[in-house]
Each structure stands twice: as structure tokens, then as C-alpha cells.
């Protein structure tokens, strides 16, 4: 069984040419679980797979990570075979935020009679959830405001931080099995995002060596990070992952 991480976009909210930060965990070449749903990221997903995501985890509700949700709703609601089936794994504290920002528009369809969530299977999650027989782990990150942003771990294989400041205490727990760590990092940090000097100050070298940096501001900025000796994610890049060691159950 082959596991890979496909980067649909790696840029921050202003770096349109890099695509919105979004990725898919693939198993044997097929999309297994997609992280976030930005506008440019969803376009890249469709261009590669030729269909909409069927299972998503959401890290937080800033628009560069959720702008694709209206398209996602339309595609699934008007497909009788898919309506109500796509799984949305949403950390419980941000369900109200997603409702406010996306789902609460009066009359999702002009004709009325339809709720935004009719198109999906909404699954609020806390510390973990099960997806296709594997246990996924969820942890809080440091982005903008407490309890509004979360990362994801597939034990033994990959960690996706989402937007965050350095989180050494979280990664000591949730990245302790040699996982690849896809980490928010720009050349310069700010109160909501990590800069490379922040990571160098907070993280040991062994952890830095496992980081794949994304959510930077331009191709030139990515090149500058790479010139400092770091692994930098590029739009459309596919990264090989180790076989997960996550707890699993057989699904009938």
C-alpha cells in the first residue's frame, strides 16, 4: 500500500500564484482525505482528480481555507448519487464559525427549501476521529485566536499543522513517530504565522529536518527558504509518506 501527500496549493492568502494551502492524503494513488478547501486549492484538486473531494478535514475558517465550500455544496447537492454522502470532519469548536461564515446565508438556493448541510455528512470531531478504519488525531494550534485552528496527524506518516505559530509542545506529542511535518512557515513571522527564525528558535534540528514548509508568500520567498537548507513544498508536489502506524479497525 502506497501513501502520498499531494500539495494542491502552498501559498498564504495573498499568494494566488502558489494556490491556497490545501493538500490530500492519497492511498494507492486515490484521494483518501483532503485537508481544507480553499478556492485555488479546490480548482487544483478538480484539475488533477476530475471530481470533487469526498472526505475533508478543516483546520480553521479563514477564507483562504474555506472559499471552495460554496462550489462544493453546489456540486454535491445537485448530484443525487452524492448528496449527503461527502464526509466533513470539522473540529467541534469551529463548527459555529463555519456555520456563520458559510452555511448561514439566507436561502442557500433562491428557491428555498434547502439547508447547506443537506449536501454533506457533518462529523464534529475533538481529539480524534476514525476515517476508513484508521484513527486520525486532532490537536490545537496557535493561529489568530485560541480554539479556532487545529492540526491533523496520521500517526507514523504525516502531520499537517495548518496555520500556526510554533507549537513545540504539541509536536513533541503529535509528531514523535518520525512523521513528515507539513508546517506553516514564511520567511518572516507575524502574530498569526510562523517565520523561519521562529522555527529555528523553537524546534530541535531533528524536527526541523522533518518539516515540509508551506504557506509562504511568493516563489521567491520559497526559494529563499530552500536556500537556507529547508525542504519547501511546491504547488502540485507529491510527497511519499511512510506507512501509517495509526490504530486501525477492519470495516465490514
Protein backbone atom coordinates (compact mmCIF):
# COMPACT_ATOMS: atom_id res chain seq x y z
CA UNK A 1 0.00 0.00 0.00
CA UNK A 2 1.40 3.40 -1.03
CA UNK A 3 0.75 6.64 0.86
CA UNK A 4 1.48 10.11 -0.52
CA UNK A 5 0.70 13.74 0.27
CA UNK A 6 -0.35 15.85 -2.73
CA UNK A 7 0.01 19.62 -2.31
CA UNK A 8 -2.76 21.42 -4.19
CA UNK A 9 -1.51 24.82 -3.03
CA UNK A 10 1.16 26.15 -0.70
CA UNK A 11 0.67 29.91 -0.51
CA UNK A 12 -0.66 32.37 2.01
CA UNK A 13 -3.88 34.30 1.39
CA UNK A 14 -2.12 36.81 -0.88
CA UNK A 15 0.00 34.37 -2.90
CA UNK A 16 -2.59 33.45 -5.53
CA UNK A 17 0.07 32.10 -7.90
CA UNK A 18 1.02 29.49 -5.29
CA UNK A 19 -2.56 28.32 -4.70
CA UNK A 20 -4.40 28.26 -1.39
CA UNK A 21 -2.86 25.97 1.21
CA UNK A 22 -4.59 22.62 0.75
CA UNK A 23 -3.48 19.02 0.41
CA UNK A 24 -4.77 15.48 0.01
CA UNK A 25 -3.58 12.29 1.64
CA UNK A 26 -3.55 9.66 -1.10
CA UNK A 27 -3.67 5.90 -0.69
CA UNK A 28 -2.59 3.89 -3.74
CA UNK A 29 -2.97 6.98 -5.92
CA UNK A 30 -6.55 7.76 -4.89
CA UNK A 31 -7.69 10.68 -2.73
CA UNK A 32 -8.17 9.41 0.81
CA UNK A 33 -8.64 12.55 2.93
CA UNK A 34 -8.36 16.19 1.88
CA UNK A 35 -7.28 18.98 4.22
CA UNK A 36 -9.05 22.33 3.80
CA UNK A 37 -11.00 23.70 0.85
CA UNK A 38 -9.59 26.95 -0.47
CA UNK A 39 -10.71 28.35 -3.80
CA UNK A 40 -7.50 27.87 -5.79
CA UNK A 41 -6.83 24.61 -3.94
CA UNK A 42 -10.19 23.17 -4.95
CA UNK A 43 -9.54 24.15 -8.58
CA UNK A 44 -6.23 22.26 -8.43
CA UNK A 45 -7.96 19.24 -6.86
CA UNK A 46 -10.53 19.14 -9.67
CA UNK A 47 -7.87 19.55 -12.34
CA UNK A 48 -5.97 16.53 -11.04
CA UNK A 49 -8.69 14.10 -9.93
CA UNK A 50 -11.56 15.19 -12.16
CA UNK A 51 -14.08 15.12 -9.33
CA UNK A 52 -14.89 16.80 -6.04
CA UNK A 53 -13.41 15.71 -2.67
CA UNK A 54 -15.48 13.11 -0.83
CA UNK A 55 -13.85 13.47 2.60
CA UNK A 56 -12.39 16.63 4.11
CA UNK A 57 -10.84 17.81 7.37
CA UNK A 58 -10.99 21.53 8.08
CA UNK A 59 -8.21 23.25 10.04
CA UNK A 60 -9.88 26.65 10.52
CA UNK A 61 -12.32 29.05 8.90
CA UNK A 62 -10.23 31.82 7.36
CA UNK A 63 -11.46 32.35 3.81
CA UNK A 64 -8.34 31.10 2.02
CA UNK A 65 -9.11 27.72 3.61
CA UNK A 66 -12.89 27.58 3.12
CA UNK A 67 -13.61 29.63 -0.03
CA UNK A 68 -14.32 26.47 -2.03
CA UNK A 69 -17.23 25.38 0.15
CA UNK A 70 -19.95 27.02 -1.94
CA UNK A 71 -18.74 25.20 -5.06
CA UNK A 72 -18.51 22.03 -3.02
CA UNK A 73 -22.11 22.43 -1.87
CA UNK A 74 -23.47 23.01 -5.38
CA UNK A 75 -21.57 20.07 -6.86
CA UNK A 76 -22.76 17.60 -4.24
CA UNK A 77 -26.31 18.85 -3.66
CA UNK A 78 -27.22 18.62 -7.35
CA UNK A 79 -25.66 15.16 -7.70
CA UNK A 80 -28.33 12.73 -6.50
CA UNK A 81 -25.77 9.95 -6.12
CA UNK A 82 -23.52 12.07 -3.87
CA UNK A 83 -25.95 14.29 -1.97
CA UNK A 84 -25.47 13.91 1.79
CA UNK A 85 -22.55 11.48 1.45
CA UNK A 86 -19.30 13.51 1.49
CA UNK A 87 -17.81 13.46 4.98
CA UNK A 88 -16.79 16.75 6.60
CA UNK A 89 -14.65 16.24 9.70
CA UNK A 90 -14.83 19.60 11.49
CA UNK A 91 -13.24 20.30 14.90
CA UNK A 92 -16.20 20.94 17.20
CA UNK A 93 -15.12 24.44 18.36
CA UNK A 94 -15.13 25.76 14.79
CA UNK A 95 -18.47 24.29 13.68
CA UNK A 96 -20.27 27.50 14.81
CA UNK A 97 -17.69 29.61 12.92
CA UNK A 98 -18.19 27.63 9.72
CA UNK A 99 -21.94 27.95 10.17
CA UNK A 100 -21.62 31.72 10.50
CA UNK A 101 -19.18 32.22 7.64
CA UNK A 102 -20.54 29.79 5.05
CA UNK A 103 -23.76 27.96 5.92
CA UNK A 104 -25.93 30.70 7.43
CA UNK A 105 -26.68 32.64 4.26
CA UNK A 106 -30.47 33.07 3.89
CA UNK A 107 -31.82 30.58 1.34
CA UNK A 108 -28.80 28.62 0.17
CA UNK A 109 -30.78 28.21 -3.05
CA UNK A 110 -33.02 31.01 -4.27
CA UNK A 111 -36.00 28.65 -4.36
CA UNK A 112 -35.64 27.90 -0.64
CA UNK A 113 -36.31 24.53 0.96
CA UNK A 114 -32.63 23.56 1.18
CA UNK A 115 -30.12 23.63 4.04
CA UNK A 116 -26.39 23.97 3.40
CA UNK A 117 -25.67 20.81 5.40
CA UNK A 118 -28.10 18.73 3.29
CA UNK A 119 -25.25 18.22 0.83
CA UNK A 120 -22.86 16.71 3.38
CA UNK A 121 -22.37 14.39 6.31
CA UNK A 122 -21.16 16.77 9.01
CA UNK A 123 -19.00 15.00 11.62
CA UNK A 124 -17.87 17.25 14.53
CA UNK A 125 -14.60 15.93 15.99
CA UNK A 126 -12.48 16.53 19.08
CA UNK A 127 -9.20 14.78 19.95
CA UNK A 128 -9.55 12.10 17.28
CA UNK A 129 -11.84 10.61 14.67
CA UNK A 130 -12.00 7.46 12.57
CA UNK A 131 -11.72 7.61 8.80
CA UNK A 132 -11.88 4.50 6.65
CA UNK A 133 -10.74 2.34 9.54
CA UNK A 134 -7.80 4.49 10.68
CA UNK A 135 -7.62 6.67 13.79
CA UNK A 136 -6.77 10.28 12.98
CA UNK A 137 -5.57 12.64 15.73
CA UNK A 138 -6.54 16.31 16.09
CA UNK A 139 -4.67 18.95 18.10
CA UNK A 140 -4.98 22.68 18.75
CA UNK A 141 -2.55 25.07 17.08
CA UNK A 142 -1.69 28.74 17.67
CA UNK A 143 -3.33 30.85 15.00
CA UNK A 144 -5.07 34.17 15.46
CA UNK A 145 -7.26 33.19 18.46
CA UNK A 146 -7.45 30.25 20.90
CA UNK A 147 -9.55 27.23 19.91
CA UNK A 148 -10.03 28.40 16.33
CA UNK A 149 -7.34 26.41 14.48
CA UNK A 150 -6.36 22.74 14.56
CA UNK A 151 -3.80 20.37 13.11
CA UNK A 152 -4.08 16.77 11.96
CA UNK A 153 -1.95 13.68 12.47
CA UNK A 154 -1.87 10.35 10.67
CA UNK A 155 0.33 8.56 13.18
CA UNK A 156 3.65 7.35 11.82
CA UNK A 157 3.07 9.00 8.45
CA UNK A 158 2.22 12.73 8.34
CA UNK A 159 1.35 15.78 10.42
CA UNK A 160 -0.36 18.84 8.92
CA UNK A 161 -0.13 21.86 11.19
CA UNK A 162 -2.49 24.19 9.39
CA UNK A 163 -1.83 27.88 10.01
CA UNK A 164 0.11 28.29 13.23
CA UNK A 165 2.84 29.91 15.27
CA UNK A 166 5.47 27.47 16.61
CA UNK A 167 3.92 24.68 18.69
CA UNK A 168 6.85 22.73 20.19
CA UNK A 169 4.76 21.24 23.00
CA UNK A 170 2.11 19.94 20.56
CA UNK A 171 4.62 18.46 18.12
CA UNK A 172 6.53 16.79 20.95
CA UNK A 173 3.35 14.75 21.43
CA UNK A 174 1.82 14.58 17.95
CA UNK A 175 4.97 14.23 15.83
CA UNK A 176 7.00 11.79 17.93
CA UNK A 177 6.97 8.87 15.48
CA UNK A 178 9.16 10.25 12.70
CA UNK A 179 6.27 11.73 10.72
CA UNK A 180 6.70 14.21 7.89
CA UNK A 181 5.58 17.59 9.29
CA UNK A 182 3.93 19.95 6.82
CA UNK A 183 4.40 23.25 8.67
CA UNK A 184 3.21 26.82 8.20
CA UNK A 185 6.34 28.90 7.59
CA UNK A 186 7.19 32.13 5.79
CA UNK A 187 10.47 33.98 5.60
CA UNK A 188 9.24 36.35 8.31
CA UNK A 189 6.69 35.56 11.01
CA UNK A 190 3.83 37.60 12.41
CA UNK A 191 1.36 37.19 15.33
CA UNK A 192 -0.63 34.54 13.44
CA UNK A 193 2.02 32.70 11.39
CA UNK A 194 5.48 31.22 11.81
CA UNK A 195 8.64 32.66 10.30
CA UNK A 196 11.74 30.56 9.72
CA UNK A 197 13.61 32.22 12.60
CA UNK A 198 10.69 31.34 14.89
CA UNK A 199 11.01 27.67 13.95
CA UNK A 200 14.79 27.73 14.32
CA UNK A 201 14.43 29.20 17.80
CA UNK A 202 11.69 26.83 18.99
CA UNK A 203 12.38 23.47 17.34
CA UNK A 204 15.27 21.00 17.61
CA UNK A 205 17.23 20.21 14.45
CA UNK A 206 15.79 16.70 14.20
CA UNK A 207 12.28 18.10 13.98
CA UNK A 208 13.28 20.83 11.51
CA UNK A 209 14.76 18.16 9.26
CA UNK A 210 11.31 16.54 9.02
CA UNK A 211 9.49 19.76 8.15
CA UNK A 212 7.99 20.49 4.75
CA UNK A 213 7.40 24.23 4.71
CA UNK A 214 4.30 25.78 3.13
CA UNK A 215 2.05 28.87 3.47
CA UNK A 216 4.75 31.28 2.34
CA UNK A 217 4.30 34.48 0.35
CA UNK A 218 5.87 34.03 -3.08
CA UNK A 219 8.02 31.74 -5.21
CA UNK A 220 10.99 33.95 -4.34
CA UNK A 221 10.26 33.52 -0.65
CA UNK A 222 10.10 29.76 -1.11
CA UNK A 223 13.44 29.84 -2.89
CA UNK A 224 14.93 31.86 -0.01
CA UNK A 225 13.71 29.27 2.50
CA UNK A 226 15.16 26.47 0.37
CA UNK A 227 18.47 28.33 0.14
CA UNK A 228 18.67 28.18 3.94
CA UNK A 229 18.63 24.39 3.67
CA UNK A 230 14.95 23.63 4.27
CA UNK A 231 12.53 21.45 2.40
CA UNK A 232 9.92 23.68 0.78
CA UNK A 233 6.62 22.47 -0.62
CA UNK A 234 5.72 23.48 -4.18
CA UNK A 235 2.28 23.62 -5.85
CA UNK A 236 1.36 20.22 -7.27
CA UNK A 237 4.22 18.43 -5.50
CA UNK A 238 3.62 14.85 -4.39
CA UNK A 239 5.50 13.62 -1.31
CA UNK A 240 6.00 9.96 -0.44
CA UNK A 241 4.91 9.04 3.09
CA UNK A 242 5.74 6.21 5.45
CA UNK A 243 3.13 3.54 6.08
CA UNK A 244 0.90 4.75 8.93
CA UNK A 245 1.16 3.14 12.35
CA UNK A 246 -2.21 4.57 13.42
CA UNK A 247 -4.64 2.28 15.21
CA UNK A 248 -6.89 0.59 12.69
CA UNK A 249 -10.01 -1.49 12.64
CA UNK A 250 -11.44 -3.70 9.95
CA UNK A 251 -14.60 -2.25 8.42
CA UNK A 252 -17.17 -4.77 7.27
